[in-house]
C-alpha atoms as a PDB file:
ATOM      1  CA  MET A   1      15.012 -17.283 -18.577  1.00  0.00           C
ATOM      2  CA  SER A   2      13.874 -20.370 -16.724  1.00  0.00           C
ATOM      3  CA  MET A   3      15.270 -23.726 -17.852  1.00  0.00           C
ATOM      4  CA  ASN A   4      12.267 -25.559 -16.414  1.00  0.00           C
ATOM      5  CA  PRO A   5       9.118 -25.920 -18.497  1.00  0.00           C
ATOM      6  CA  ARG A   6       5.990 -23.945 -17.819  1.00  0.00           C
ATOM      7  CA  LEU A   7       3.538 -25.993 -15.774  1.00  0.00           C
ATOM      8  CA  ILE A   8      -0.236 -25.906 -15.700  1.00  0.00           C
ATOM      9  CA  ILE A   9      -1.203 -23.808 -12.716  1.00  0.00           C
ATOM     10  CA  ALA A  10      -2.916 -26.715 -10.974  1.00  0.00           C
ATOM     11  CA  ALA A  11       0.625 -28.034 -10.404  1.00  0.00           C
ATOM     12  CA  LEU A  12       1.918 -24.737  -9.008  1.00  0.00           C
ATOM     13  CA  SER A  13       1.829 -23.295  -5.519  1.00  0.00           C
ATOM     14  CA  LEU A  14       3.505 -20.177  -4.169  1.00  0.00           C
ATOM     15  CA  SER A  15       7.168 -21.017  -3.582  1.00  0.00           C
ATOM     16  CA  ALA A  16       8.926 -20.447  -0.275  1.00  0.00           C
ATOM     17  CA  SER A  17      10.882 -17.550  -1.776  1.00  0.00           C
ATOM     18  CA  GLY A  18       7.651 -16.146  -3.207  1.00  0.00           C
ATOM     19  CA  LEU A  19       6.025 -16.298   0.233  1.00  0.00           C
ATOM     20  CA  VAL A  20       9.003 -14.594   1.868  1.00  0.00           C
ATOM     21  CA  GLY A  21       8.927 -11.887  -0.813  1.00  0.00           C
ATOM     22  CA  LEU A  22       5.209 -11.336  -0.368  1.00  0.00           C
ATOM     23  CA  ALA A  23       5.580 -11.126   3.415  1.00  0.00           C
ATOM     24  CA  SER A  24       8.431  -8.637   3.095  1.00  0.00           C
ATOM     25  CA  TYR A  25       6.444  -6.456   0.650  1.00  0.00           C
ATOM     26  CA  GLU A  26       3.523  -6.410   3.060  1.00  0.00           C
ATOM     27  CA  GLY A  27       5.624  -5.956   6.185  1.00  0.00           C
ATOM     28  CA  TYR A  28       4.518  -7.117   9.618  1.00  0.00           C
ATOM     29  CA  ARG A  29       2.441  -5.161  12.095  1.00  0.00           C
ATOM     30  CA  GLY A  30       1.198  -6.678  15.343  1.00  0.00           C
ATOM     31  CA  GLU A  31      -1.562  -4.096  15.752  1.00  0.00           C
ATOM     32  CA  ALA A  32      -4.195  -3.074  13.225  1.00  0.00           C
ATOM     33  CA  TYR A  33      -3.344   0.119  11.339  1.00  0.00           C
ATOM     34  CA  VAL A  34      -4.410   2.002   8.237  1.00  0.00           C
ATOM     35  CA  PRO A  35      -1.480   1.869   5.748  1.00  0.00           C
ATOM     36  CA  VAL A  36      -2.490   4.995   3.806  1.00  0.00           C
ATOM     37  CA  PRO A  37      -5.321   7.435   4.466  1.00  0.00           C
ATOM     38  CA  GLY A  38      -8.575   6.082   3.068  1.00  0.00           C
ATOM     39  CA  ASP A  39      -7.449   2.444   3.166  1.00  0.00           C
ATOM     40  CA  VAL A  40      -8.941  -0.291   5.347  1.00  0.00           C
ATOM     41  CA  PRO A  41      -7.463  -1.549   8.618  1.00  0.00           C
ATOM     42  CA  THR A  42      -4.600  -3.991   8.057  1.00  0.00           C
ATOM     43  CA  ILE A  43      -2.791  -6.355  10.410  1.00  0.00           C
ATOM     44  CA  GLY A  44      -0.064  -8.976  10.348  1.00  0.00           C
ATOM     45  CA  PHE A  45       1.298  -9.432   6.836  1.00  0.00           C
ATOM     46  CA  GLY A  46      -1.222  -7.324   4.933  1.00  0.00           C
ATOM     47  CA  THR A  47      -4.404  -9.016   6.141  1.00  0.00           C
ATOM     48  CA  THR A  48      -7.457  -6.823   5.632  1.00  0.00           C
ATOM     49  CA  GLN A  49     -10.349  -9.264   5.915  1.00  0.00           C
ATOM     50  CA  ASP A  50     -12.411  -8.790   9.093  1.00  0.00           C
ATOM     51  CA  VAL A  51      -9.757  -6.596  10.726  1.00  0.00           C
ATOM     52  CA  GLN A  52     -11.010  -4.331  13.508  1.00  0.00           C
ATOM     53  CA  PRO A  53      -9.290  -1.154  14.768  1.00  0.00           C
ATOM     54  CA  GLY A  54      -7.248  -1.960  17.872  1.00  0.00           C
ATOM     55  CA  GLU A  55      -6.988  -5.661  16.972  1.00  0.00           C
ATOM     56  CA  THR A  56      -3.645  -7.303  17.769  1.00  0.00           C
ATOM     57  CA  THR A  57      -1.837 -10.417  16.577  1.00  0.00           C
ATOM     58  CA  ASP A  58       1.503 -12.133  16.958  1.00  0.00           C
ATOM     59  CA  PRO A  59       3.887 -13.373  14.245  1.00  0.00           C
ATOM     60  CA  VAL A  60       2.701 -16.995  14.413  1.00  0.00           C
ATOM     61  CA  ARG A  61      -1.011 -16.110  14.086  1.00  0.00           C
ATOM     62  CA  ALA A  62      -0.148 -13.593  11.369  1.00  0.00           C
ATOM     63  CA  LEU A  63       1.720 -16.261   9.370  1.00  0.00           C
ATOM     64  CA  ILE A  64      -1.191 -18.678   9.722  1.00  0.00           C
ATOM     65  CA  ARG A  65      -3.577 -16.003   8.472  1.00  0.00           C
ATOM     66  CA  LEU A  66      -1.216 -15.136   5.614  1.00  0.00           C
ATOM     67  CA  ASP A  67      -1.077 -18.791   4.575  1.00  0.00           C
ATOM     68  CA  GLU A  68      -4.887 -19.077   4.647  1.00  0.00           C
ATOM     69  CA  HIS A  69      -5.332 -15.952   2.528  1.00  0.00           C
ATOM     70  CA  VAL A  70      -2.625 -16.995   0.057  1.00  0.00           C
ATOM     71  CA  ASP A  71      -4.323 -20.394  -0.325  1.00  0.00           C
ATOM     72  CA  ARG A  72      -7.675 -18.701  -0.986  1.00  0.00           C
ATOM     73  CA  ALA A  73      -6.083 -16.323  -3.495  1.00  0.00           C
ATOM     74  CA  GLN A  74      -4.426 -19.206  -5.344  1.00  0.00           C
ATOM     75  CA  ARG A  75      -7.735 -21.104  -5.574  1.00  0.00           C
ATOM     76  CA  ASP A  76      -9.448 -18.017  -6.999  1.00  0.00           C
ATOM     77  CA  MET A  77      -6.587 -17.437  -9.420  1.00  0.00           C
ATOM     78  CA  ARG A  78      -6.625 -21.021 -10.675  1.00  0.00           C
ATOM     79  CA  ALA A  79     -10.357 -20.696 -11.320  1.00  0.00           C
ATOM     80  CA  CYS A  80     -10.028 -17.509 -13.359  1.00  0.00           C
ATOM     81  CA  ILE A  81      -6.793 -18.288 -15.230  1.00  0.00           C
ATOM     82  CA  GLY A  82      -7.764 -21.803 -16.211  1.00  0.00           C
ATOM     83  CA  ASP A  83      -5.285 -24.123 -17.876  1.00  0.00           C
ATOM     84  CA  VAL A  84      -2.613 -21.552 -18.748  1.00  0.00           C
ATOM     85  CA  ALA A  85       0.889 -22.924 -18.150  1.00  0.00           C
ATOM     86  CA  LEU A  86       3.289 -20.732 -16.167  1.00  0.00           C
ATOM     87  CA  TYR A  87       6.818 -20.755 -14.842  1.00  0.00           C
ATOM     88  CA  GLN A  88       7.107 -20.817 -11.050  1.00  0.00           C
ATOM     89  CA  HIS A  89       8.504 -17.267 -11.027  1.00  0.00           C
ATOM     90  CA  GLU A  90       5.513 -16.011 -13.046  1.00  0.00           C
ATOM     91  CA  TRP A  91       3.056 -17.675 -10.645  1.00  0.00           C
ATOM     92  CA  ASP A  92       4.899 -16.202  -7.631  1.00  0.00           C
ATOM     93  CA  ALA A  93       4.695 -12.704  -9.110  1.00  0.00           C
ATOM     94  CA  TYR A  94       0.995 -13.050  -9.924  1.00  0.00           C
ATOM     95  CA  VAL A  95       0.153 -14.413  -6.461  1.00  0.00           C
ATOM     96  CA  SER A  96       1.940 -11.450  -4.864  1.00  0.00           C
ATOM     97  CA  LEU A  97       0.000  -9.030  -7.057  1.00  0.00           C
ATOM     98  CA  ALA A  98      -3.356 -10.750  -6.514  1.00  0.00           C
ATOM     99  CA  TYR A  99      -2.818 -10.908  -2.752  1.00  0.00           C
ATOM    100  CA  ASN A 100      -2.238  -7.154  -2.735  1.00  0.00           C
ATOM    101  CA  ILE A 101      -4.979  -5.987  -5.124  1.00  0.00           C
ATOM    102  CA  GLY A 102      -7.529  -8.722  -4.443  1.00  0.00           C
ATOM    103  CA  THR A 103      -8.447 -11.643  -6.643  1.00  0.00           C
ATOM    104  CA  GLY A 104     -11.579  -9.933  -7.954  1.00  0.00           C
ATOM    105  CA  ALA A 105      -9.487  -7.145  -9.460  1.00  0.00           C
ATOM    106  CA  PHE A 106      -6.843  -9.605 -10.610  1.00  0.00           C
ATOM    107  CA  CYS A 107      -9.296 -11.993 -12.261  1.00  0.00           C
ATOM    108  CA  GLY A 108     -11.091  -9.177 -14.083  1.00  0.00           C
ATOM    109  CA  SER A 109      -7.873  -7.628 -15.355  1.00  0.00           C
ATOM    110  CA  THR A 110      -6.294  -7.190 -18.754  1.00  0.00           C
ATOM    111  CA  LEU A 111      -3.355  -9.147 -17.329  1.00  0.00           C
ATOM    112  CA  VAL A 112      -5.472 -12.323 -17.139  1.00  0.00           C
ATOM    113  CA  ARG A 113      -6.866 -11.728 -20.643  1.00  0.00           C
ATOM    114  CA  LYS A 114      -3.297 -11.431 -21.955  1.00  0.00           C
ATOM    115  CA  LEU A 115      -2.251 -14.603 -20.131  1.00  0.00           C
ATOM    116  CA  LYS A 116      -5.146 -16.529 -21.642  1.00  0.00           C
ATOM    117  CA  SER A 117      -4.172 -15.303 -25.114  1.00  0.00           C
ATOM    118  CA  GLY A 118      -0.564 -16.475 -24.636  1.00  0.00           C
ATOM    119  CA  ASP A 119       0.929 -12.979 -24.328  1.00  0.00           C
ATOM    120  CA  TYR A 120       3.229 -13.791 -21.399  1.00  0.00           C
ATOM    121  CA  ALA A 121       5.439 -10.701 -21.681  1.00  0.00           C
ATOM    122  CA  GLY A 122       2.397  -8.471 -22.059  1.00  0.00           C
ATOM    123  CA  ALA A 123       0.801 -10.051 -18.986  1.00  0.00           C
ATOM    124  CA  CYS A 124       3.948  -9.437 -16.945  1.00  0.00           C
ATOM    125  CA  ALA A 125       4.041  -5.816 -18.149  1.00  0.00           C
ATOM    126  CA  GLU A 126       0.479  -5.323 -16.878  1.00  0.00           C
ATOM    127  CA  ILE A 127       1.796  -5.710 -13.320  1.00  0.00           C
ATOM    128  CA  LYS A 128       3.364  -2.251 -13.599  1.00  0.00           C
ATOM    129  CA  ARG A 129      -0.065  -0.645 -14.093  1.00  0.00           C
ATOM    130  CA  TRP A 130      -1.232  -1.451 -10.539  1.00  0.00           C
ATOM    131  CA  VAL A 131       0.453   1.493  -8.776  1.00  0.00           C
ATOM    132  CA  TYR A 132      -2.581   3.621  -7.899  1.00  0.00           C
ATOM    133  CA  PHE A 133      -4.606   4.024  -4.730  1.00  0.00           C
ATOM    134  CA  GLN A 134      -7.574   6.368  -4.913  1.00  0.00           C
ATOM    135  CA  GLY A 135      -6.209   7.873  -8.130  1.00  0.00           C
ATOM    136  CA  ARG A 136      -2.743   8.595  -6.720  1.00  0.00           C
ATOM    137  CA  VAL A 137       0.499   6.851  -7.616  1.00  0.00           C
ATOM    138  CA  LEU A 138       2.081   5.468  -4.456  1.00  0.00           C
ATOM    139  CA  PRO A 139       5.889   5.150  -4.540  1.00  0.00           C
ATOM    140  CA  GLY A 140       5.758   1.980  -2.434  1.00  0.00           C
ATOM    141  CA  LEU A 141       3.490   0.369  -5.025  1.00  0.00           C
ATOM    142  CA  VAL A 142       5.763   1.496  -7.857  1.00  0.00           C
ATOM    143  CA  ASN A 143       8.720  -0.212  -6.153  1.00  0.00           C
ATOM    144  CA  ARG A 144       6.760  -3.366  -5.368  1.00  0.00           C
ATOM    145  CA  ARG A 145       5.336  -3.632  -8.903  1.00  0.00           C
ATOM    146  CA  GLU A 146       8.782  -3.186 -10.430  1.00  0.00           C
ATOM    147  CA  ALA A 147      10.085  -6.049  -8.281  1.00  0.00           C
ATOM    148  CA  GLU A 148       7.051  -8.210  -9.150  1.00  0.00           C
ATOM    149  CA  TYR A 149       7.528  -7.407 -12.840  1.00  0.00           C
ATOM    150  CA  ARG A 150      11.202  -8.414 -12.693  1.00  0.00           C
ATOM    151  CA  MET A 151      10.213 -11.616 -10.898  1.00  0.00           C
ATOM    152  CA  CYS A 152       7.567 -12.324 -13.522  1.00  0.00           C
ATOM    153  CA  MET A 153      10.094 -11.859 -16.321  1.00  0.00           C
ATOM    154  CA  GLY A 154      12.566 -14.164 -14.563  1.00  0.00           C
ATOM    155  CA  ASP A 155      15.006 -11.339 -13.812  1.00  0.00           C
ATOM    156  CA  ALA A 156      14.698 -11.343 -10.010  1.00  0.00           C
ATOM    157  CA  GLU A 157      16.612 -13.603  -7.705  1.00  0.00           C
END
């Protein structure tokens, strides 16, 4: 359990270790690809916005794009979560999830409703539900969600 107090989310930003974790979950690809059949083209560290087939990038541009998208996700998350106080490790886990599933899905989720009601453990447990793509459980998502859940609960280092 964290020894530091929970902070209002306006005071939180994705930590360096959270960013490294997110980037490693996403993996890096210098050329646009479709991660699983039926998905959208992806490039860099999981960027999907305005990605065209055949598009290329380099690690520096991919990191800049990742930072821009993480910043946008955090703004959206702050708007939908409100004044809920979180530990840094909880915020890092939620940013990773929201980056992956999209802030629209995140903000409309039961997870956010549980956070707003003060059910911190229940909100963390909701992370484990996001393992489906087109109705199928994807093992990679199961592994990522388990790691995000452990991070959220303060069990990951």
